[in-house]
Amino acid sequence: MVKKMTKHAATQTGGVPTCLNIEKVSAMIGKTETTIRTCATNEKYKHLIPKPFKMPHSRRLCWWEHEVLAWIESNRPAEPPPVKRPRGRPTKVEQLARERWAETAKARRDAEGGSK
């Protein structure tokens, strides 16, 4: 099963798309080769990796570089999750650090000449 190259993909790389093997994809998406093979062969996990294809007369998994980059971009979180505050009252060190930060921020605003 050979995938057809889209016009958009051909124009980005000058007409020749780059084909990646499992070692390169593993480094790009941060998963081991074994995990990628498992995800590619097991229907339950296919959504966890970019869609692979096989070259004619080959058993080796391949990916188009532009598809892998698009998959990485689409699976990137929009923003990092907020830092969880520990339960309970802040420690004395945290309270003093917050006060010092507020004082230095106020001093910087006063030094700049505006108190907003």
C-alpha atoms as a PDB file:
ATOM      1  CA  MET A   1       0.000   0.000   0.000  1.00  0.00           C
ATOM      2  CA  VAL A   2       1.751   3.135  -1.222  1.00  0.00           C
ATOM      3  CA  LYS A   3       0.393   6.482  -0.150  1.00  0.00           C
ATOM      4  CA  LYS A   4       0.074   9.243  -2.682  1.00  0.00           C
ATOM      5  CA  MET A   5       1.997  12.424  -2.044  1.00  0.00           C
ATOM      6  CA  THR A   6      -0.055  15.574  -1.735  1.00  0.00           C
ATOM      7  CA  LYS A   7       0.829  18.745  -3.608  1.00  0.00           C
ATOM      8  CA  HIS A   8       1.372  20.594  -0.338  1.00  0.00           C
ATOM      9  CA  ALA A   9       3.936  18.068   0.898  1.00  0.00           C
ATOM     10  CA  ALA A  10       5.843  18.103  -2.379  1.00  0.00           C
ATOM     11  CA  THR A  11       6.206  21.875  -2.433  1.00  0.00           C
ATOM     12  CA  GLN A  12       7.551  22.080   1.116  1.00  0.00           C
ATOM     13  CA  THR A  13      10.592  19.874   0.444  1.00  0.00           C
ATOM     14  CA  GLY A  14      11.278  20.910  -3.109  1.00  0.00           C
ATOM     15  CA  GLY A  15       9.374  18.060  -4.773  1.00  0.00           C
ATOM     16  CA  VAL A  16      10.880  15.053  -2.987  1.00  0.00           C
ATOM     17  CA  PRO A  17       9.263  14.006   0.302  1.00  0.00           C
ATOM     18  CA  THR A  18      11.491  12.547   2.983  1.00  0.00           C
ATOM     19  CA  CYS A  19      10.759   8.997   4.058  1.00  0.00           C
ATOM     20  CA  LEU A  20      11.587   8.182   7.691  1.00  0.00           C
ATOM     21  CA  ASN A  21      12.306   4.769   9.164  1.00  0.00           C
ATOM     22  CA  ILE A  22      11.357   3.565  12.632  1.00  0.00           C
ATOM     23  CA  GLU A  23      14.655   4.655  14.228  1.00  0.00           C
ATOM     24  CA  LYS A  24      14.196   8.284  13.158  1.00  0.00           C
ATOM     25  CA  VAL A  25      10.513   8.380  14.101  1.00  0.00           C
ATOM     26  CA  SER A  26      11.388   6.906  17.487  1.00  0.00           C
ATOM     27  CA  ALA A  27      13.813   9.754  18.145  1.00  0.00           C
ATOM     28  CA  MET A  28      11.334  12.368  16.918  1.00  0.00           C
ATOM     29  CA  ILE A  29       8.301  11.317  18.947  1.00  0.00           C
ATOM     30  CA  GLY A  30      10.109  10.029  22.031  1.00  0.00           C
ATOM     31  CA  LYS A  31       8.835   6.437  22.017  1.00  0.00           C
ATOM     32  CA  THR A  32      10.849   3.238  21.758  1.00  0.00           C
ATOM     33  CA  GLU A  33      10.930   1.226  18.554  1.00  0.00           C
ATOM     34  CA  THR A  34       9.156  -1.671  20.265  1.00  0.00           C
ATOM     35  CA  THR A  35       6.344   0.610  21.417  1.00  0.00           C
ATOM     36  CA  ILE A  36       5.978   2.027  17.911  1.00  0.00           C
ATOM     37  CA  ARG A  37       5.811  -1.466  16.382  1.00  0.00           C
ATOM     38  CA  THR A  38       3.217  -2.516  18.959  1.00  0.00           C
ATOM     39  CA  CYS A  39       1.119   0.578  18.279  1.00  0.00           C
ATOM     40  CA  ALA A  40       1.363   0.062  14.515  1.00  0.00           C
ATOM     41  CA  THR A  41       0.244  -3.574  14.621  1.00  0.00           C
ATOM     42  CA  ASN A  42      -2.381  -3.418  17.362  1.00  0.00           C
ATOM     43  CA  GLU A  43      -5.641  -1.715  16.360  1.00  0.00           C
ATOM     44  CA  LYS A  44      -6.243  -0.602  19.946  1.00  0.00           C
ATOM     45  CA  TYR A  45      -3.110   1.601  20.002  1.00  0.00           C
ATOM     46  CA  LYS A  46      -3.001   2.973  16.431  1.00  0.00           C
ATOM     47  CA  HIS A  47      -4.031   6.445  17.593  1.00  0.00           C
ATOM     48  CA  LEU A  48      -0.829   6.775  19.677  1.00  0.00           C
ATOM     49  CA  ILE A  49       1.541   7.112  16.694  1.00  0.00           C
ATOM     50  CA  PRO A  50       1.478   8.712  13.228  1.00  0.00           C
ATOM     51  CA  LYS A  51       0.004   6.461  10.523  1.00  0.00           C
ATOM     52  CA  PRO A  52       2.760   4.297   8.976  1.00  0.00           C
ATOM     53  CA  PHE A  53       2.971   2.734   5.522  1.00  0.00           C
ATOM     54  CA  LYS A  54       5.126   0.049   3.947  1.00  0.00           C
ATOM     55  CA  MET A  55       7.226   0.386   0.812  1.00  0.00           C
ATOM     56  CA  PRO A  56       6.339  -2.058  -1.973  1.00  0.00           C
ATOM     57  CA  HIS A  57       7.920  -5.497  -1.430  1.00  0.00           C
ATOM     58  CA  SER A  58       9.064  -4.537   2.068  1.00  0.00           C
ATOM     59  CA  ARG A  59       7.982  -5.294   5.624  1.00  0.00           C
ATOM     60  CA  ARG A  60       9.640  -2.204   7.072  1.00  0.00           C
ATOM     61  CA  LEU A  61       7.451   0.543   8.569  1.00  0.00           C
ATOM     62  CA  CYS A  62       7.935   3.986   7.025  1.00  0.00           C
ATOM     63  CA  TRP A  63       6.526   7.479   7.545  1.00  0.00           C
ATOM     64  CA  TRP A  64       6.533  10.668   5.515  1.00  0.00           C
ATOM     65  CA  GLU A  65       8.381  13.371   7.422  1.00  0.00           C
ATOM     66  CA  HIS A  66       5.719  16.034   6.848  1.00  0.00           C
ATOM     67  CA  GLU A  67       3.038  13.701   8.252  1.00  0.00           C
ATOM     68  CA  VAL A  68       5.091  12.969  11.389  1.00  0.00           C
ATOM     69  CA  LEU A  69       5.735  16.683  11.954  1.00  0.00           C
ATOM     70  CA  ALA A  70       2.022  17.436  11.464  1.00  0.00           C
ATOM     71  CA  TRP A  71       1.115  14.652  13.925  1.00  0.00           C
ATOM     72  CA  ILE A  72       3.562  16.012  16.509  1.00  0.00           C
ATOM     73  CA  GLU A  73       2.133  19.506  16.090  1.00  0.00           C
ATOM     74  CA  SER A  74      -1.454  18.283  16.415  1.00  0.00           C
ATOM     75  CA  ASN A  75      -0.694  16.294  19.585  1.00  0.00           C
ATOM     76  CA  ARG A  76       1.216  19.034  21.358  1.00  0.00           C
ATOM     77  CA  PRO A  77      -0.685  20.453  24.345  1.00  0.00           C
ATOM     78  CA  ALA A  78      -1.908  24.016  23.845  1.00  0.00           C
ATOM     79  CA  GLU A  79      -0.308  25.217  27.070  1.00  0.00           C
ATOM     80  CA  PRO A  80       1.466  23.581  29.956  1.00  0.00           C
ATOM     81  CA  PRO A  81      -0.726  22.499  32.844  1.00  0.00           C
ATOM     82  CA  PRO A  82      -0.844  24.924  35.780  1.00  0.00           C
ATOM     83  CA  VAL A  83       1.522  24.279  38.664  1.00  0.00           C
ATOM     84  CA  LYS A  84      -0.347  22.529  41.457  1.00  0.00           C
ATOM     85  CA  ARG A  85      -0.220  24.308  44.768  1.00  0.00           C
ATOM     86  CA  PRO A  86       0.398  22.035  47.699  1.00  0.00           C
ATOM     87  CA  ARG A  87      -2.405  21.691  50.184  1.00  0.00           C
ATOM     88  CA  GLY A  88      -2.452  23.760  53.330  1.00  0.00           C
ATOM     89  CA  ARG A  89      -0.879  26.982  54.407  1.00  0.00           C
ATOM     90  CA  PRO A  90       2.292  28.155  52.590  1.00  0.00           C
ATOM     91  CA  THR A  91       5.511  27.603  54.497  1.00  0.00           C
ATOM     92  CA  LYS A  92       7.314  30.526  56.096  1.00  0.00           C
ATOM     93  CA  VAL A  93       9.993  30.347  53.387  1.00  0.00           C
ATOM     94  CA  GLU A  94       7.332  30.600  50.664  1.00  0.00           C
ATOM     95  CA  GLN A  95       5.636  33.519  52.450  1.00  0.00           C
ATOM     96  CA  LEU A  96       8.920  35.425  52.829  1.00  0.00           C
ATOM     97  CA  ALA A  97       9.883  34.738  49.204  1.00  0.00           C
ATOM     98  CA  ARG A  98       6.516  36.051  48.016  1.00  0.00           C
ATOM     99  CA  GLU A  99       6.929  39.205  50.147  1.00  0.00           C
ATOM    100  CA  ARG A 100      10.462  39.821  48.835  1.00  0.00           C
ATOM    101  CA  TRP A 101       9.267  39.361  45.269  1.00  0.00           C
ATOM    102  CA  ALA A 102       6.405  41.835  45.824  1.00  0.00           C
ATOM    103  CA  GLU A 103       8.832  44.384  47.333  1.00  0.00           C
ATOM    104  CA  THR A 104      11.313  44.083  44.452  1.00  0.00           C
ATOM    105  CA  ALA A 105       8.501  44.325  41.890  1.00  0.00           C
ATOM    106  CA  LYS A 106       7.208  47.483  43.592  1.00  0.00           C
ATOM    107  CA  ALA A 107      10.730  48.950  43.727  1.00  0.00           C
ATOM    108  CA  ARG A 108      11.188  48.273  39.993  1.00  0.00           C
ATOM    109  CA  ARG A 109       7.875  49.945  39.140  1.00  0.00           C
ATOM    110  CA  ASP A 110       8.815  52.991  41.270  1.00  0.00           C
ATOM    111  CA  ALA A 111      12.270  53.149  39.655  1.00  0.00           C
ATOM    112  CA  GLU A 112      10.685  53.111  36.187  1.00  0.00           C
ATOM    113  CA  GLY A 113       8.633  56.129  37.211  1.00  0.00           C
ATOM    114  CA  GLY A 114       5.140  54.735  36.979  1.00  0.00           C
ATOM    115  CA  SER A 115       2.952  53.171  39.595  1.00  0.00           C
ATOM    116  CA  LYS A 116       0.335  51.187  37.706  1.00  0.00           C
END
